[in-house]
Amino acid sequence: MGVSFDLFGTLVTADRPSDPAAAVATELEKRDVDVPDDWADAYAEPHVDAPEGAEVPLPAHVSHALASREVSYEHNAVRRAVVAAFDPDVETRAGARAAVDAALERGPVAICSNCSVPELVGRTLVRSAFDRDEFDAIVTSVGCGWRKPAPEIFELTAAQLEVDLDRLVHVGDDSRTDGGVEAVGGTALLLEEHPLETIPSRLATVAESEKS
C-alpha cells in the first residue's frame, strides 16, 4: 500500500493573498516591471489554451497577461515576482503529524498537491512540522502538468511510489479534486468523512482489507 497526502488544507494551513492579482502586481513593480492600468482584468483573463485538466503554471499565466498588454520585462522577473507574492505563513494541522507517521509505517508516502506556483510546496514543507525527506515522492501539478482530479497526477504518484493504482490511498480535503483517485481505482480518504485524527485507524483498516 502507498499513501499520498494533499498538502494545503489537509496537512497544513497556509495563508494566501486575499487579492492575488494585486499581490503579484506589487512584486512585479518591485522588479521594475510596468504593471498595466487594467492589470486586474488582464490577470483574470485566460491566456493559455490548455487541455482540460492541465495545469498552467502561474508565471506562464502572468507572462502571457503582460504580453497581452505589450509589457516587456527582464528574464526571470515574472517568476521571481510570483514566488515572492505567494510566501505564506504555515501552520501544521492538528493530527497531521500522526497521520503521516501512521502512513510511513504502512509503506511509501507521497505529497500529491495542486499548486500552480513554483517552489511553494517546498517552501511550505520547510515551514511545517515535516521534513521534505520524509516523503518518498512529492508530486505537484506545476511539476507534472496536471491538476487533480486528472488521472495523470494520480498515475504519476502511484508510479513514483512503485505501487499499483488500486493500492494507492489518497488523503485529502476536497471531494472534487482529491476524490479523483477513485476514478483510477485508488482509495480516497476525505477529511469531511474521515478527520485527520482518524486517519491512522482508517489506514490500518485499509491495510487489513488488502490482506484478506
Protein backbone atom coordinates (compact mmCIF):
# COMPACT_ATOMS: atom_id res chain seq x y z
CA MET A 1 0.00 0.00 0.00
CA GLY A 2 1.16 3.52 -0.82
CA VAL A 3 -0.32 6.65 0.73
CA SER A 4 -0.40 10.14 -0.71
CA PHE A 5 -1.47 13.30 1.08
CA ASP A 6 -2.88 16.51 -0.25
CA LEU A 7 -0.91 19.37 1.30
CA PHE A 8 -2.90 22.61 1.51
CA GLY A 9 -5.98 22.27 3.69
CA THR A 10 -5.07 18.71 4.61
CA LEU A 11 -1.65 18.61 6.27
CA VAL A 12 -1.17 22.36 6.63
CA THR A 13 -2.99 25.64 6.68
CA ALA A 14 -1.20 28.29 4.63
CA ASP A 15 -2.36 31.85 4.24
CA ARG A 16 -2.83 33.12 0.70
CA PRO A 17 -3.12 36.66 -0.69
CA SER A 18 -6.68 37.95 -0.46
CA ASP A 19 -6.12 39.64 -3.83
CA PRO A 20 -3.63 37.55 -5.83
CA ALA A 21 -3.58 39.96 -8.77
CA ALA A 22 -2.67 42.87 -6.50
CA ALA A 23 -0.03 40.81 -4.68
CA VAL A 24 1.60 39.85 -7.96
CA ALA A 25 1.41 43.45 -9.19
CA THR A 26 3.23 44.69 -6.09
CA GLU A 27 6.05 42.22 -6.61
CA LEU A 28 6.26 43.00 -10.33
CA GLU A 29 6.64 46.70 -9.58
CA LYS A 30 9.45 45.92 -7.13
CA ARG A 31 11.25 44.34 -10.08
CA ASP A 32 10.73 47.35 -12.34
CA VAL A 33 8.01 45.72 -14.43
CA ASP A 34 5.44 48.20 -15.74
CA VAL A 35 2.08 46.94 -14.49
CA PRO A 36 -0.74 47.95 -16.85
CA ASP A 37 -3.60 50.05 -15.54
CA ASP A 38 -6.08 47.27 -16.27
CA TRP A 39 -3.96 44.61 -14.59
CA ALA A 40 -6.88 43.13 -12.64
CA ASP A 41 -8.67 42.45 -15.93
CA ALA A 42 -5.53 41.10 -17.61
CA TYR A 43 -4.86 38.77 -14.67
CA ALA A 44 -8.43 37.44 -14.73
CA GLU A 45 -8.47 36.70 -18.46
CA PRO A 46 -7.48 33.25 -19.78
CA HIS A 47 -4.32 33.48 -21.87
CA VAL A 48 -3.19 29.88 -22.34
CA ASP A 49 -5.31 27.36 -24.22
CA ALA A 50 -4.51 24.31 -22.08
CA PRO A 51 -6.11 20.85 -22.32
CA GLU A 52 -8.79 20.02 -19.78
CA GLY A 53 -7.17 19.06 -16.51
CA ALA A 54 -3.80 20.56 -17.39
CA GLU A 55 -2.02 22.93 -15.03
CA VAL A 56 -0.96 26.35 -16.29
CA PRO A 57 1.96 27.50 -14.11
CA LEU A 58 1.19 30.90 -12.65
CA PRO A 59 4.39 32.51 -14.00
CA ALA A 60 3.34 31.45 -17.51
CA HIS A 61 -0.11 32.93 -16.98
CA VAL A 62 1.33 36.20 -15.70
CA SER A 63 3.83 36.37 -18.58
CA HIS A 64 1.05 35.95 -21.11
CA ALA A 65 -1.10 38.52 -19.29
CA LEU A 66 1.71 41.07 -19.51
CA ALA A 67 2.37 40.21 -23.15
CA SER A 68 -1.32 40.79 -23.92
CA ARG A 69 -0.73 44.39 -22.80
CA GLU A 70 2.61 44.60 -24.65
CA VAL A 71 4.62 44.84 -21.43
CA SER A 72 8.20 43.60 -21.56
CA TYR A 73 10.43 42.61 -18.63
CA GLU A 74 13.81 41.19 -17.87
CA HIS A 75 14.42 37.45 -17.77
CA ASN A 76 13.05 35.67 -14.64
CA ALA A 77 11.40 38.82 -13.25
CA VAL A 78 7.94 37.32 -13.52
CA ARG A 79 8.87 34.02 -11.91
CA ARG A 80 10.61 35.80 -9.04
CA ALA A 81 7.62 38.10 -8.56
CA VAL A 82 5.13 35.24 -8.46
CA VAL A 83 7.21 33.23 -5.99
CA ALA A 84 7.54 36.28 -3.72
CA ALA A 85 3.81 37.08 -3.91
CA PHE A 86 2.93 33.65 -2.55
CA ASP A 87 5.12 33.41 0.53
CA PRO A 88 2.84 32.01 3.22
CA ASP A 89 2.80 31.67 6.95
CA VAL A 90 2.25 27.96 7.56
CA GLU A 91 0.61 26.04 10.38
CA THR A 92 0.66 22.26 10.61
CA ARG A 93 -2.85 20.99 11.22
CA ALA A 94 -3.75 19.04 14.34
CA GLY A 95 -3.49 15.32 13.68
CA ALA A 96 -1.35 15.73 10.57
CA ARG A 97 1.87 14.53 12.16
CA ALA A 98 0.26 11.35 13.49
CA ALA A 99 -1.44 10.69 10.15
CA VAL A 100 1.82 10.87 8.22
CA ASP A 101 3.63 8.76 10.83
CA ALA A 102 0.94 6.09 10.54
CA ALA A 103 1.27 6.11 6.74
CA LEU A 104 5.06 5.77 6.95
CA GLU A 105 4.57 2.60 8.99
CA ARG A 106 2.48 1.11 6.16
CA GLY A 107 4.67 1.79 3.14
CA PRO A 108 5.86 4.58 0.84
CA VAL A 109 4.32 8.03 1.27
CA ALA A 110 3.92 10.97 -1.12
CA ILE A 111 2.67 14.52 -1.26
CA CYS A 112 0.21 14.94 -4.16
CA SER A 113 -0.74 18.60 -4.37
CA ASN A 114 -2.43 21.02 -6.73
CA CYS A 115 -0.24 24.12 -6.82
CA SER A 116 0.43 26.47 -9.74
CA VAL A 117 3.24 28.38 -8.01
CA PRO A 118 6.80 27.05 -8.41
CA GLU A 119 8.68 26.34 -5.16
CA LEU A 120 5.60 26.89 -2.99
CA VAL A 121 5.19 23.27 -1.90
CA GLY A 122 8.84 23.01 -0.92
CA ARG A 123 8.80 26.29 1.00
CA THR A 124 5.59 25.25 2.74
CA LEU A 125 7.08 21.95 3.88
CA VAL A 126 10.15 23.73 5.26
CA ARG A 127 7.83 25.83 7.44
CA SER A 128 5.76 22.85 8.59
CA ALA A 129 6.37 20.06 11.10
CA PHE A 130 7.51 17.82 8.24
CA ASP A 131 10.87 17.17 6.65
CA ARG A 132 10.78 17.02 2.86
CA ASP A 133 12.98 13.92 3.02
CA GLU A 134 10.28 12.03 4.93
CA PHE A 135 8.32 11.67 1.70
CA ASP A 136 9.25 9.16 -0.96
CA ALA A 137 7.78 11.40 -3.66
CA ILE A 138 6.49 14.94 -3.99
CA VAL A 139 4.13 15.33 -6.95
CA THR A 140 2.76 18.77 -7.75
CA SER A 141 0.52 19.93 -10.54
CA VAL A 142 3.01 22.65 -11.50
CA GLY A 143 5.69 19.99 -11.72
CA CYS A 144 3.82 17.29 -13.64
CA GLY A 145 1.46 19.50 -15.68
CA TRP A 146 -1.84 18.01 -14.47
CA ARG A 147 -4.22 19.06 -11.69
CA LYS A 148 -6.26 16.74 -9.52
CA PRO A 149 -8.70 15.17 -10.36
CA ALA A 150 -6.89 14.46 -13.66
CA PRO A 151 -5.93 10.77 -13.78
CA GLU A 152 -2.38 11.60 -14.83
CA ILE A 153 -1.35 13.13 -11.50
CA PHE A 154 -2.53 10.08 -9.55
CA GLU A 155 -0.92 7.74 -12.06
CA LEU A 156 2.39 9.53 -11.63
CA THR A 157 2.08 9.45 -7.85
CA ALA A 158 1.49 5.69 -7.85
CA ALA A 159 4.38 5.18 -10.27
CA GLN A 160 6.76 7.19 -8.11
CA LEU A 161 5.70 5.20 -5.04
CA GLU A 162 6.08 1.99 -7.09
CA VAL A 163 2.60 0.75 -6.18
CA ASP A 164 -0.31 -0.27 -8.37
CA LEU A 165 -3.10 2.29 -8.64
CA ASP A 166 -5.52 0.04 -6.78
CA ARG A 167 -3.12 0.11 -3.83
CA LEU A 168 -2.87 3.90 -3.70
CA VAL A 169 -4.68 5.58 -0.81
CA HIS A 170 -5.03 9.34 -1.13
CA VAL A 171 -5.90 11.56 1.84
CA GLY A 172 -7.38 14.97 1.06
CA ASP A 173 -9.96 17.58 1.97
CA ASP A 174 -11.69 18.17 -1.38
CA SER A 175 -14.04 15.56 -2.79
CA ARG A 176 -13.98 17.22 -6.23
CA THR A 177 -10.21 17.07 -6.63
CA ASP A 178 -8.86 14.52 -4.16
CA GLY A 179 -11.77 12.18 -4.79
CA GLY A 180 -10.50 11.78 -8.34
CA VAL A 181 -8.20 8.99 -7.20
CA GLU A 182 -11.20 6.67 -7.16
CA ALA A 183 -11.66 7.09 -10.92
CA VAL A 184 -8.31 5.36 -11.44
CA GLY A 185 -9.01 2.58 -8.94
CA GLY A 186 -7.46 4.06 -5.82
CA THR A 187 -8.98 4.76 -2.42
CA ALA A 188 -9.90 8.26 -1.24
CA LEU A 189 -9.96 9.16 2.44
CA LEU A 190 -11.69 12.53 2.53
CA LEU A 191 -11.46 14.65 5.67
CA GLU A 192 -15.17 15.51 5.60
CA GLU A 193 -15.81 11.82 6.29
CA HIS A 194 -12.53 10.85 7.98
CA PRO A 195 -10.98 13.65 10.09
CA LEU A 196 -7.20 13.66 10.36
CA GLU A 197 -7.32 12.19 13.86
CA THR A 198 -9.00 9.07 12.45
CA ILE A 199 -6.59 8.52 9.52
CA PRO A 200 -4.23 6.16 11.42
CA SER A 201 -7.09 3.79 12.22
CA ARG A 202 -8.52 4.11 8.70
CA LEU A 203 -5.15 3.21 7.17
CA ALA A 204 -4.98 0.18 9.44
CA THR A 205 -8.43 -0.88 8.23
CA VAL A 206 -7.44 -0.46 4.57
CA ALA A 207 -4.24 -2.42 5.13
CA GLU A 208 -6.18 -5.28 6.74
CA SER A 209 -8.68 -5.36 3.88
CA GLU A 210 -5.81 -5.71 1.39
CA LYS A 211 -4.60 -8.81 3.24
CA SER A 212 -8.00 -10.52 3.07
